[in-house]
């Protein structure tokens, strides 16, 4: 159980790792990876429900999609020309090496499924990752950060499901504060 305890502490790092790309947009205190992952998991469940996929599985995949950032930090896209993209499955294998077999397999299987995008749940989880970024960009823009167009375009370009595309269109057509009036 020492491995589970150690991994639990490692996962806590995600609450302190900031989403680094937002600094380039001028956001002084960007969201943490954990904050991003929570809303991504919630959105993944909703997308999966609408797409006829398993909401629980989609949310589970989204929960694990950025856990490797405890080891790498959040690397902005501008780092890509200078660094080789870390392989999430290899990092996850290292992270889970000290876990009991069932726990290690659970995490490794989830990360592999997310990365291969072969299941509807994985595609919904990836769409949720992109939609969460789109929502965050719109919220930062509403707070006065004007340089988020790149993030909005990136989020829209990578969507797999019709539901996610429709949600993105709806989000872009409204104010992030409009939910208060509903």
N, C-alpha and C. Protein backbone atom coordinates (compact mmCIF):
# COMPACT_ATOMS: atom_id res chain seq x y z
N UNK A 1 0.81 -1.20 0.00
CA UNK A 1 0.00 0.00 0.00
C UNK A 1 0.85 1.27 0.00
N UNK A 2 2.16 1.10 0.23
CA UNK A 2 3.05 2.26 0.17
C UNK A 2 3.01 2.91 -1.20
N UNK A 3 2.94 2.08 -2.25
CA UNK A 3 2.90 2.60 -3.61
C UNK A 3 1.65 3.43 -3.86
N UNK A 4 0.51 2.98 -3.35
CA UNK A 4 -0.73 3.75 -3.50
C UNK A 4 -0.64 5.08 -2.77
N UNK A 5 -0.05 5.05 -1.58
CA UNK A 5 0.10 6.31 -0.83
C UNK A 5 1.02 7.27 -1.57
N UNK A 6 2.14 6.76 -2.07
CA UNK A 6 3.08 7.62 -2.79
C UNK A 6 2.43 8.20 -4.05
N UNK A 7 1.68 7.37 -4.77
CA UNK A 7 1.01 7.85 -5.98
C UNK A 7 -0.06 8.88 -5.62
N UNK A 8 -0.74 8.68 -4.52
CA UNK A 8 -1.72 9.66 -4.06
C UNK A 8 -1.09 11.02 -3.84
N UNK A 9 0.10 11.03 -3.22
CA UNK A 9 0.80 12.31 -3.04
C UNK A 9 1.23 12.89 -4.40
N UNK A 10 1.70 12.02 -5.30
CA UNK A 10 2.11 12.51 -6.61
C UNK A 10 0.93 13.14 -7.35
N UNK A 11 -0.23 12.53 -7.28
CA UNK A 11 -1.41 13.10 -7.95
C UNK A 11 -1.76 14.48 -7.39
N UNK A 12 -1.43 14.72 -6.13
CA UNK A 12 -1.68 16.03 -5.53
C UNK A 12 -0.89 17.15 -6.20
N UNK A 13 0.19 16.80 -6.87
CA UNK A 13 0.99 17.80 -7.59
C UNK A 13 0.14 18.48 -8.67
N UNK A 14 -0.83 17.75 -9.22
CA UNK A 14 -1.67 18.32 -10.28
C UNK A 14 -2.45 19.54 -9.80
N UNK A 15 -2.67 19.65 -8.50
CA UNK A 15 -3.37 20.82 -7.97
C UNK A 15 -2.48 22.06 -8.00
N UNK A 16 -1.16 21.85 -8.10
CA UNK A 16 -0.21 22.96 -8.10
C UNK A 16 0.39 23.27 -9.47
N UNK A 17 0.30 22.32 -10.41
CA UNK A 17 0.84 22.53 -11.75
C UNK A 17 -0.15 23.41 -12.52
N UNK A 18 0.32 24.53 -13.00
CA UNK A 18 -0.51 25.47 -13.75
C UNK A 18 -0.48 25.14 -15.23
N UNK A 19 -1.55 25.42 -15.92
CA UNK A 19 -1.63 25.23 -17.36
C UNK A 19 -0.81 26.34 -18.02
N UNK A 20 0.40 25.98 -18.42
CA UNK A 20 1.43 26.95 -18.80
C UNK A 20 1.10 27.79 -20.03
N UNK A 21 0.38 27.26 -20.97
CA UNK A 21 0.08 28.02 -22.18
C UNK A 21 -0.67 29.32 -21.90
N UNK A 22 -1.46 29.33 -20.84
CA UNK A 22 -2.22 30.53 -20.52
C UNK A 22 -1.33 31.70 -20.11
N UNK A 23 -0.15 31.42 -19.57
CA UNK A 23 0.77 32.51 -19.25
C UNK A 23 1.13 33.27 -20.52
N UNK A 24 1.28 32.55 -21.64
CA UNK A 24 1.62 33.19 -22.90
C UNK A 24 0.48 34.08 -23.41
N UNK A 25 -0.73 33.79 -22.96
CA UNK A 25 -1.88 34.62 -23.34
C UNK A 25 -2.03 35.82 -22.41
N UNK A 26 -1.22 35.86 -21.35
CA UNK A 26 -1.30 36.98 -20.43
C UNK A 26 -2.12 36.72 -19.18
N UNK A 27 -2.49 35.47 -18.95
CA UNK A 27 -3.23 35.12 -17.74
C UNK A 27 -2.24 35.05 -16.58
N UNK A 28 -2.47 35.82 -15.55
CA UNK A 28 -1.51 35.90 -14.43
C UNK A 28 -1.55 34.67 -13.54
N UNK A 29 -2.72 34.12 -13.31
CA UNK A 29 -2.86 32.96 -12.43
C UNK A 29 -3.75 31.92 -13.11
N UNK A 30 -3.17 31.17 -14.05
CA UNK A 30 -3.99 30.22 -14.80
C UNK A 30 -4.47 29.06 -13.94
N UNK A 31 -5.47 28.39 -14.46
CA UNK A 31 -6.03 27.22 -13.80
C UNK A 31 -4.95 26.16 -13.61
N UNK A 32 -5.18 25.26 -12.65
CA UNK A 32 -4.29 24.13 -12.46
C UNK A 32 -4.70 22.98 -13.38
N UNK A 33 -3.81 22.03 -13.53
CA UNK A 33 -4.12 20.83 -14.31
C UNK A 33 -5.29 20.09 -13.66
N UNK A 34 -5.33 20.05 -12.34
CA UNK A 34 -6.42 19.37 -11.65
C UNK A 34 -7.76 20.06 -11.92
N UNK A 35 -7.77 21.37 -11.92
CA UNK A 35 -9.01 22.10 -12.21
C UNK A 35 -9.47 21.81 -13.64
N UNK A 36 -8.53 21.82 -14.56
CA UNK A 36 -8.84 21.50 -15.96
C UNK A 36 -9.40 20.08 -16.06
N UNK A 37 -8.76 19.13 -15.39
CA UNK A 37 -9.16 17.73 -15.50
C UNK A 37 -10.55 17.48 -14.92
N UNK A 38 -10.90 18.19 -13.86
CA UNK A 38 -12.22 18.00 -13.27
C UNK A 38 -13.31 18.38 -14.28
N UNK A 39 -13.23 19.59 -14.83
CA UNK A 39 -14.28 20.00 -15.78
C UNK A 39 -14.23 19.14 -17.04
N UNK A 40 -13.04 18.74 -17.47
CA UNK A 40 -12.95 17.86 -18.64
C UNK A 40 -13.68 16.55 -18.37
N UNK A 41 -13.52 15.98 -17.18
CA UNK A 41 -14.19 14.73 -16.84
C UNK A 41 -15.71 14.91 -16.81
N UNK A 42 -16.15 16.02 -16.25
CA UNK A 42 -17.59 16.29 -16.21
C UNK A 42 -18.14 16.45 -17.63
N UNK A 43 -17.44 17.20 -18.46
CA UNK A 43 -17.88 17.38 -19.85
C UNK A 43 -17.85 16.05 -20.62
N UNK A 44 -16.84 15.23 -20.36
CA UNK A 44 -16.73 13.94 -21.04
C UNK A 44 -17.95 13.08 -20.75
N UNK A 45 -18.40 13.07 -19.51
CA UNK A 45 -19.59 12.29 -19.16
C UNK A 45 -20.81 12.79 -19.92
N UNK A 46 -20.96 14.10 -20.00
CA UNK A 46 -22.12 14.67 -20.70
C UNK A 46 -22.07 14.41 -22.20
N UNK A 47 -20.90 14.57 -22.79
CA UNK A 47 -20.75 14.28 -24.22
C UNK A 47 -21.06 12.81 -24.51
N UNK A 48 -20.53 11.93 -23.68
CA UNK A 48 -20.76 10.50 -23.87
C UNK A 48 -22.24 10.16 -23.76
N UNK A 49 -22.92 10.78 -22.81
CA UNK A 49 -24.36 10.53 -22.67
C UNK A 49 -25.09 10.92 -23.95
N UNK A 50 -24.74 12.04 -24.52
CA UNK A 50 -25.39 12.52 -25.74
C UNK A 50 -25.01 11.69 -26.96
N UNK A 51 -23.81 11.13 -26.95
CA UNK A 51 -23.32 10.36 -28.08
C UNK A 51 -23.66 8.87 -27.98
N UNK A 52 -24.34 8.48 -26.91
CA UNK A 52 -24.69 7.07 -26.74
C UNK A 52 -23.53 6.21 -26.26
N UNK A 53 -22.53 6.83 -25.70
CA UNK A 53 -21.38 6.10 -25.16
C UNK A 53 -21.53 5.99 -23.63
N UNK A 54 -20.58 5.38 -22.97
CA UNK A 54 -20.62 5.18 -21.53
C UNK A 54 -20.09 6.42 -20.82
N UNK A 55 -20.95 7.20 -20.14
CA UNK A 55 -20.51 8.43 -19.49
C UNK A 55 -19.47 8.20 -18.39
N UNK A 56 -19.64 7.13 -17.63
CA UNK A 56 -18.70 6.87 -16.54
C UNK A 56 -17.31 6.58 -17.08
N UNK A 57 -17.24 5.80 -18.15
CA UNK A 57 -15.94 5.46 -18.74
C UNK A 57 -15.29 6.70 -19.33
N UNK A 58 -16.06 7.51 -20.04
CA UNK A 58 -15.51 8.73 -20.64
C UNK A 58 -14.97 9.66 -19.57
N UNK A 59 -15.72 9.83 -18.48
CA UNK A 59 -15.25 10.68 -17.38
C UNK A 59 -13.98 10.10 -16.76
N UNK A 60 -13.94 8.79 -16.61
CA UNK A 60 -12.77 8.13 -16.03
C UNK A 60 -11.53 8.37 -16.90
N UNK A 61 -11.68 8.26 -18.21
CA UNK A 61 -10.55 8.50 -19.11
C UNK A 61 -10.07 9.94 -19.00
N UNK A 62 -11.01 10.87 -18.94
CA UNK A 62 -10.64 12.28 -18.84
C UNK A 62 -9.93 12.59 -17.52
N UNK A 63 -10.29 11.88 -16.46
CA UNK A 63 -9.61 12.09 -15.18
C UNK A 63 -8.12 11.77 -15.26
N UNK A 64 -7.77 10.81 -16.08
CA UNK A 64 -6.38 10.35 -16.16
C UNK A 64 -5.59 10.98 -17.30
N UNK A 65 -6.23 11.78 -18.16
CA UNK A 65 -5.58 12.18 -19.41
C UNK A 65 -4.35 13.06 -19.24
N UNK A 66 -4.23 13.80 -18.15
CA UNK A 66 -3.06 14.68 -17.96
C UNK A 66 -2.25 14.34 -16.71
N UNK A 67 -2.44 13.17 -16.15
CA UNK A 67 -1.74 12.85 -14.90
C UNK A 67 -0.22 12.77 -15.08
N UNK A 68 0.22 12.58 -16.31
CA UNK A 68 1.66 12.51 -16.57
C UNK A 68 2.34 13.85 -16.28
N UNK A 69 1.55 14.91 -16.21
CA UNK A 69 2.12 16.25 -16.00
C UNK A 69 2.66 16.44 -14.58
N UNK A 70 2.46 15.45 -13.70
CA UNK A 70 3.16 15.50 -12.42
C UNK A 70 4.66 15.35 -12.64
N UNK A 71 5.03 14.70 -13.73
CA UNK A 71 6.44 14.45 -14.04
C UNK A 71 7.02 15.45 -15.04
N UNK A 72 6.19 15.97 -15.94
CA UNK A 72 6.70 16.84 -17.01
C UNK A 72 6.32 18.30 -16.85
N UNK A 73 5.34 18.58 -16.01
CA UNK A 73 4.72 19.90 -16.01
C UNK A 73 3.84 20.00 -17.24
N UNK A 74 3.14 21.10 -17.37
CA UNK A 74 2.30 21.32 -18.53
C UNK A 74 3.15 22.02 -19.59
N UNK A 75 3.37 21.34 -20.69
CA UNK A 75 4.22 21.90 -21.75
C UNK A 75 3.35 22.62 -22.77
N UNK A 76 3.55 23.92 -22.95
CA UNK A 76 2.75 24.63 -23.95
C UNK A 76 3.13 24.18 -25.36
N UNK A 77 2.24 24.40 -26.30
CA UNK A 77 2.48 24.00 -27.68
C UNK A 77 3.72 24.68 -28.28
N UNK A 78 4.08 25.85 -27.76
CA UNK A 78 5.25 26.54 -28.29
C UNK A 78 6.54 25.80 -27.96
N UNK A 79 6.49 24.86 -27.02
CA UNK A 79 7.69 24.08 -26.68
C UNK A 79 7.93 22.95 -27.68
N UNK A 80 6.92 22.60 -28.46
CA UNK A 80 7.00 21.45 -29.36
C UNK A 80 8.21 21.46 -30.30
N UNK A 81 8.58 22.60 -30.90
CA UNK A 81 9.74 22.56 -31.80
C UNK A 81 11.07 22.27 -31.09
N UNK A 82 11.10 22.40 -29.79
CA UNK A 82 12.36 22.27 -29.05
C UNK A 82 12.47 20.99 -28.24
N UNK A 83 11.35 20.32 -28.05
CA UNK A 83 11.33 19.13 -27.21
C UNK A 83 10.61 18.00 -27.92
N UNK A 84 11.04 16.79 -27.65
CA UNK A 84 10.28 15.64 -28.12
C UNK A 84 9.08 15.49 -27.18
N UNK A 85 7.90 15.26 -27.76
CA UNK A 85 6.71 15.11 -26.93
C UNK A 85 6.86 13.85 -26.08
N UNK A 86 6.74 14.02 -24.77
CA UNK A 86 6.82 12.83 -23.90
C UNK A 86 5.70 11.84 -24.23
N UNK A 87 6.00 10.57 -24.19
CA UNK A 87 5.02 9.53 -24.46
C UNK A 87 4.21 9.28 -23.19
N UNK A 88 2.92 9.65 -23.18
CA UNK A 88 2.11 9.51 -21.98
C UNK A 88 2.07 8.10 -21.41
N UNK A 89 2.02 7.10 -22.28
CA UNK A 89 1.96 5.72 -21.78
C UNK A 89 3.24 5.31 -21.08
N UNK A 90 4.38 5.78 -21.56
CA UNK A 90 5.65 5.46 -20.89
C UNK A 90 5.73 6.15 -19.53
N UNK A 91 5.29 7.39 -19.47
CA UNK A 91 5.29 8.10 -18.18
C UNK A 91 4.35 7.41 -17.21
N UNK A 92 3.17 7.03 -17.70
CA UNK A 92 2.20 6.35 -16.84
C UNK A 92 2.76 5.02 -16.35
N UNK A 93 3.47 4.30 -17.19
CA UNK A 93 4.08 3.04 -16.76
C UNK A 93 5.07 3.29 -15.62
N UNK A 94 5.87 4.34 -15.74
CA UNK A 94 6.81 4.68 -14.66
C UNK A 94 6.06 5.10 -13.39
N UNK A 95 5.04 5.94 -13.57
CA UNK A 95 4.28 6.43 -12.43
C UNK A 95 3.62 5.30 -11.65
N UNK A 96 3.16 4.30 -12.36
CA UNK A 96 2.38 3.24 -11.72
C UNK A 96 3.19 2.00 -11.39
N UNK A 97 4.49 2.06 -11.61
CA UNK A 97 5.35 0.89 -11.37
C UNK A 97 5.28 0.40 -9.92
N UNK A 98 5.08 1.28 -8.97
CA UNK A 98 5.03 0.88 -7.57
C UNK A 98 3.65 0.55 -7.05
N UNK A 99 2.65 0.61 -7.93
CA UNK A 99 1.28 0.32 -7.51
C UNK A 99 1.01 -1.18 -7.51
N UNK A 100 0.06 -1.61 -6.73
CA UNK A 100 -0.39 -3.00 -6.86
C UNK A 100 -0.87 -3.25 -8.28
N UNK A 101 -0.81 -4.51 -8.72
CA UNK A 101 -1.09 -4.87 -10.11
C UNK A 101 -2.43 -4.35 -10.61
N UNK A 102 -3.50 -4.54 -9.86
CA UNK A 102 -4.83 -4.13 -10.32
C UNK A 102 -4.91 -2.62 -10.50
N UNK A 103 -4.33 -1.87 -9.58
CA UNK A 103 -4.36 -0.42 -9.69
C UNK A 103 -3.54 0.05 -10.88
N UNK A 104 -2.35 -0.52 -11.03
CA UNK A 104 -1.48 -0.13 -12.15
C UNK A 104 -2.17 -0.41 -13.48
N UNK A 105 -2.78 -1.58 -13.63
CA UNK A 105 -3.46 -1.93 -14.88
C UNK A 105 -4.64 -1.01 -15.15
N UNK A 106 -5.36 -0.63 -14.11
CA UNK A 106 -6.51 0.26 -14.27
C UNK A 106 -6.07 1.59 -14.88
N UNK A 107 -5.02 2.17 -14.34
CA UNK A 107 -4.54 3.46 -14.83
C UNK A 107 -3.92 3.32 -16.21
N UNK A 108 -3.09 2.33 -16.40
CA UNK A 108 -2.43 2.14 -17.70
C UNK A 108 -3.44 1.89 -18.82
N UNK A 109 -4.45 1.09 -18.54
CA UNK A 109 -5.48 0.81 -19.54
C UNK A 109 -6.25 2.07 -19.90
N UNK A 110 -6.58 2.88 -18.90
CA UNK A 110 -7.30 4.13 -19.16
C UNK A 110 -6.48 5.08 -20.01
N UNK A 111 -5.21 5.24 -19.69
CA UNK A 111 -4.35 6.15 -20.45
C UNK A 111 -4.17 5.64 -21.88
N UNK A 112 -3.97 4.35 -22.03
CA UNK A 112 -3.82 3.78 -23.37
C UNK A 112 -5.09 3.99 -24.20
N UNK A 113 -6.25 3.74 -23.60
CA UNK A 113 -7.51 3.93 -24.32
C UNK A 113 -7.68 5.38 -24.74
N UNK A 114 -7.38 6.30 -23.83
CA UNK A 114 -7.49 7.72 -24.16
C UNK A 114 -6.56 8.08 -25.31
N UNK A 115 -5.32 7.62 -25.25
CA UNK A 115 -4.33 7.99 -26.26
C UNK A 115 -4.63 7.39 -27.63
N UNK A 116 -5.21 6.22 -27.70
CA UNK A 116 -5.47 5.60 -29.00
C UNK A 116 -6.73 6.14 -29.67
N UNK A 117 -7.66 6.69 -28.89
CA UNK A 117 -8.91 7.28 -29.40
C UNK A 117 -9.74 6.30 -30.24
N UNK A 118 -9.62 5.00 -29.92
CA UNK A 118 -10.34 4.00 -30.71
C UNK A 118 -11.76 3.77 -30.22
N UNK A 119 -12.09 4.20 -29.01
CA UNK A 119 -13.44 3.98 -28.48
C UNK A 119 -14.22 5.29 -28.49
N UNK A 120 -15.54 5.19 -28.52
CA UNK A 120 -16.35 6.41 -28.43
C UNK A 120 -16.07 7.18 -27.14
N UNK A 121 -15.83 6.46 -26.06
CA UNK A 121 -15.55 7.11 -24.78
C UNK A 121 -14.25 7.89 -24.82
N UNK A 122 -13.24 7.36 -25.49
CA UNK A 122 -11.96 8.07 -25.62
C UNK A 122 -12.12 9.31 -26.48
N UNK A 123 -12.90 9.20 -27.53
CA UNK A 123 -13.13 10.38 -28.38
C UNK A 123 -13.92 11.45 -27.62
N UNK A 124 -14.89 11.02 -26.82
CA UNK A 124 -15.63 11.99 -25.99
C UNK A 124 -14.72 12.63 -24.95
N UNK A 125 -13.81 11.86 -24.37
CA UNK A 125 -12.88 12.41 -23.39
C UNK A 125 -11.94 13.41 -24.04
N UNK A 126 -11.44 13.10 -25.24
CA UNK A 126 -10.57 14.04 -25.95
C UNK A 126 -11.34 15.30 -26.32
N UNK A 127 -12.57 15.14 -26.79
CA UNK A 127 -13.39 16.31 -27.10
C UNK A 127 -13.61 17.16 -25.84
N UNK A 128 -13.82 16.50 -24.72
CA UNK A 128 -14.02 17.23 -23.46
C UNK A 128 -12.77 18.02 -23.09
N UNK A 129 -11.60 17.46 -23.34
CA UNK A 129 -10.34 18.17 -23.10
C UNK A 129 -10.30 19.45 -23.93
N UNK A 130 -10.66 19.34 -25.20
CA UNK A 130 -10.66 20.51 -26.09
C UNK A 130 -11.76 21.50 -25.71
N UNK A 131 -12.95 21.00 -25.38
CA UNK A 131 -14.03 21.90 -24.99
C UNK A 131 -13.71 22.63 -23.70
N UNK A 132 -13.08 21.95 -22.77
CA UNK A 132 -12.72 22.60 -21.52
C UNK A 132 -11.78 23.76 -21.80
N UNK A 133 -10.85 23.57 -22.71
CA UNK A 133 -9.94 24.64 -23.08
C UNK A 133 -10.71 25.79 -23.74
N UNK A 134 -11.68 25.46 -24.58
CA UNK A 134 -12.49 26.49 -25.22
C UNK A 134 -13.28 27.29 -24.17
N UNK A 135 -13.93 26.59 -23.25
CA UNK A 135 -14.66 27.29 -22.18
C UNK A 135 -13.72 28.19 -21.38
N UNK A 136 -12.53 27.66 -21.05
CA UNK A 136 -11.58 28.44 -20.27
C UNK A 136 -11.13 29.68 -21.03
N UNK A 137 -10.87 29.52 -22.32
CA UNK A 137 -10.46 30.67 -23.13
C UNK A 137 -11.56 31.73 -23.16
N UNK A 138 -12.79 31.31 -23.31
CA UNK A 138 -13.89 32.27 -23.31
C UNK A 138 -14.04 32.96 -21.95
N UNK A 139 -13.82 32.22 -20.88
CA UNK A 139 -13.88 32.82 -19.54
C UNK A 139 -12.74 33.80 -19.32
N UNK A 140 -11.55 33.45 -19.78
CA UNK A 140 -10.43 34.39 -19.66
C UNK A 140 -10.68 35.64 -20.51
N UNK A 141 -11.24 35.46 -21.70
CA UNK A 141 -11.55 36.61 -22.54
C UNK A 141 -12.58 37.52 -21.85
N UNK A 142 -13.58 36.93 -21.22
CA UNK A 142 -14.59 37.72 -20.50
C UNK A 142 -13.97 38.46 -19.31
N UNK A 143 -12.86 37.94 -18.81
CA UNK A 143 -12.16 38.58 -17.69
C UNK A 143 -11.13 39.61 -18.16
N UNK A 144 -11.05 39.81 -19.49
CA UNK A 144 -10.17 40.86 -20.00
C UNK A 144 -8.93 40.40 -20.73
N UNK A 145 -8.72 39.10 -20.87
CA UNK A 145 -7.56 38.59 -21.62
C UNK A 145 -7.99 38.51 -23.09
N UNK A 146 -7.40 39.33 -23.92
CA UNK A 146 -7.86 39.44 -25.31
C UNK A 146 -7.15 38.51 -26.28
N UNK A 147 -6.11 37.83 -25.85
CA UNK A 147 -5.28 37.07 -26.78
C UNK A 147 -5.56 35.57 -26.71
N UNK A 148 -6.82 35.18 -26.82
CA UNK A 148 -7.16 33.76 -26.68
C UNK A 148 -7.63 33.12 -27.99
N UNK A 149 -7.61 33.85 -29.08
CA UNK A 149 -8.13 33.33 -30.35
C UNK A 149 -7.42 32.04 -30.78
N UNK A 150 -6.13 31.96 -30.55
CA UNK A 150 -5.36 30.76 -30.91
C UNK A 150 -5.89 29.53 -30.18
N UNK A 151 -6.26 29.68 -28.91
CA UNK A 151 -6.76 28.57 -28.11
C UNK A 151 -8.17 28.19 -28.57
N UNK A 152 -8.96 29.17 -28.94
CA UNK A 152 -10.31 28.89 -29.44
C UNK A 152 -10.24 28.11 -30.75
N UNK A 153 -9.37 28.53 -31.64
CA UNK A 153 -9.22 27.85 -32.93
C UNK A 153 -8.70 26.43 -32.74
N UNK A 154 -7.73 26.26 -31.86
CA UNK A 154 -7.17 24.94 -31.59
C UNK A 154 -8.22 24.01 -31.01
N UNK A 155 -9.01 24.52 -30.11
CA UNK A 155 -10.05 23.70 -29.49
C UNK A 155 -11.06 23.22 -30.53
N UNK A 156 -11.49 24.10 -31.38
CA UNK A 156 -12.49 23.74 -32.40
C UNK A 156 -11.94 22.78 -33.44
N UNK A 157 -10.69 22.94 -33.80
CA UNK A 157 -10.11 22.13 -34.88
C UNK A 157 -9.99 20.66 -34.52
N UNK A 158 -9.88 20.36 -33.25
CA UNK A 158 -9.62 18.98 -32.87
C UNK A 158 -10.82 18.18 -32.41
N UNK A 159 -12.03 18.63 -32.67
CA UNK A 159 -13.21 17.94 -32.14
C UNK A 159 -13.62 16.76 -33.02
N UNK A 160 -13.95 15.64 -32.38
CA UNK A 160 -14.35 14.42 -33.08
C UNK A 160 -15.86 14.30 -33.24
N UNK A 161 -16.62 14.62 -32.20
CA UNK A 161 -18.05 14.31 -32.17
C UNK A 161 -18.91 15.48 -32.60
N UNK A 162 -20.06 15.15 -33.16
CA UNK A 162 -21.02 16.17 -33.54
C UNK A 162 -21.50 16.93 -32.31
N UNK A 163 -21.72 16.25 -31.21
CA UNK A 163 -22.17 16.91 -29.99
C UNK A 163 -21.16 17.96 -29.55
N UNK A 164 -19.90 17.62 -29.55
CA UNK A 164 -18.86 18.57 -29.12
C UNK A 164 -18.82 19.77 -30.06
N UNK A 165 -18.96 19.53 -31.36
CA UNK A 165 -18.96 20.66 -32.31
C UNK A 165 -20.14 21.59 -32.04
N UNK A 166 -21.30 21.03 -31.74
CA UNK A 166 -22.48 21.85 -31.46
C UNK A 166 -22.33 22.61 -30.13
N UNK A 167 -21.73 21.97 -29.14
CA UNK A 167 -21.49 22.64 -27.86
C UNK A 167 -20.51 23.80 -28.06
N UNK A 168 -19.48 23.59 -28.84
CA UNK A 168 -18.51 24.65 -29.11
C UNK A 168 -19.18 25.83 -29.80
N UNK A 169 -20.00 25.57 -30.79
CA UNK A 169 -20.72 26.64 -31.49
C UNK A 169 -21.60 27.41 -30.52
N UNK A 170 -22.31 26.70 -29.65
CA UNK A 170 -23.18 27.36 -28.67
C UNK A 170 -22.38 28.20 -27.70
N UNK A 171 -21.25 27.68 -27.25
CA UNK A 171 -20.41 28.43 -26.31
C UNK A 171 -19.86 29.70 -26.95
N UNK A 172 -19.46 29.59 -28.20
CA UNK A 172 -18.91 30.75 -28.90
C UNK A 172 -19.97 31.82 -29.17
N UNK A 173 -21.22 31.42 -29.20
CA UNK A 173 -22.30 32.35 -29.51
C UNK A 173 -22.90 33.03 -28.28
N UNK A 174 -22.35 32.74 -27.12
CA UNK A 174 -22.93 33.28 -25.89
C UNK A 174 -21.84 33.82 -24.97
N UNK A 175 -22.26 34.45 -23.90
CA UNK A 175 -21.34 34.96 -22.90
C UNK A 175 -21.12 33.92 -21.81
N UNK A 176 -19.90 33.81 -21.30
CA UNK A 176 -19.66 32.88 -20.20
C UNK A 176 -20.50 33.19 -18.96
N UNK A 177 -21.02 34.40 -18.87
CA UNK A 177 -21.82 34.78 -17.71
C UNK A 177 -23.30 34.53 -17.92
N UNK A 178 -23.69 34.12 -19.12
CA UNK A 178 -25.11 33.96 -19.41
C UNK A 178 -25.75 32.82 -18.64
N UNK A 179 -24.96 31.86 -18.17
CA UNK A 179 -25.53 30.75 -17.41
C UNK A 179 -26.25 31.24 -16.14
N UNK A 180 -25.85 32.37 -15.64
CA UNK A 180 -26.46 32.90 -14.42
C UNK A 180 -27.92 33.28 -14.63
N UNK A 181 -28.28 33.59 -15.87
CA UNK A 181 -29.65 34.03 -16.15
C UNK A 181 -30.56 32.86 -16.48
N UNK A 182 -30.08 31.67 -16.42
CA UNK A 182 -30.89 30.49 -16.79
C UNK A 182 -31.52 29.86 -15.59
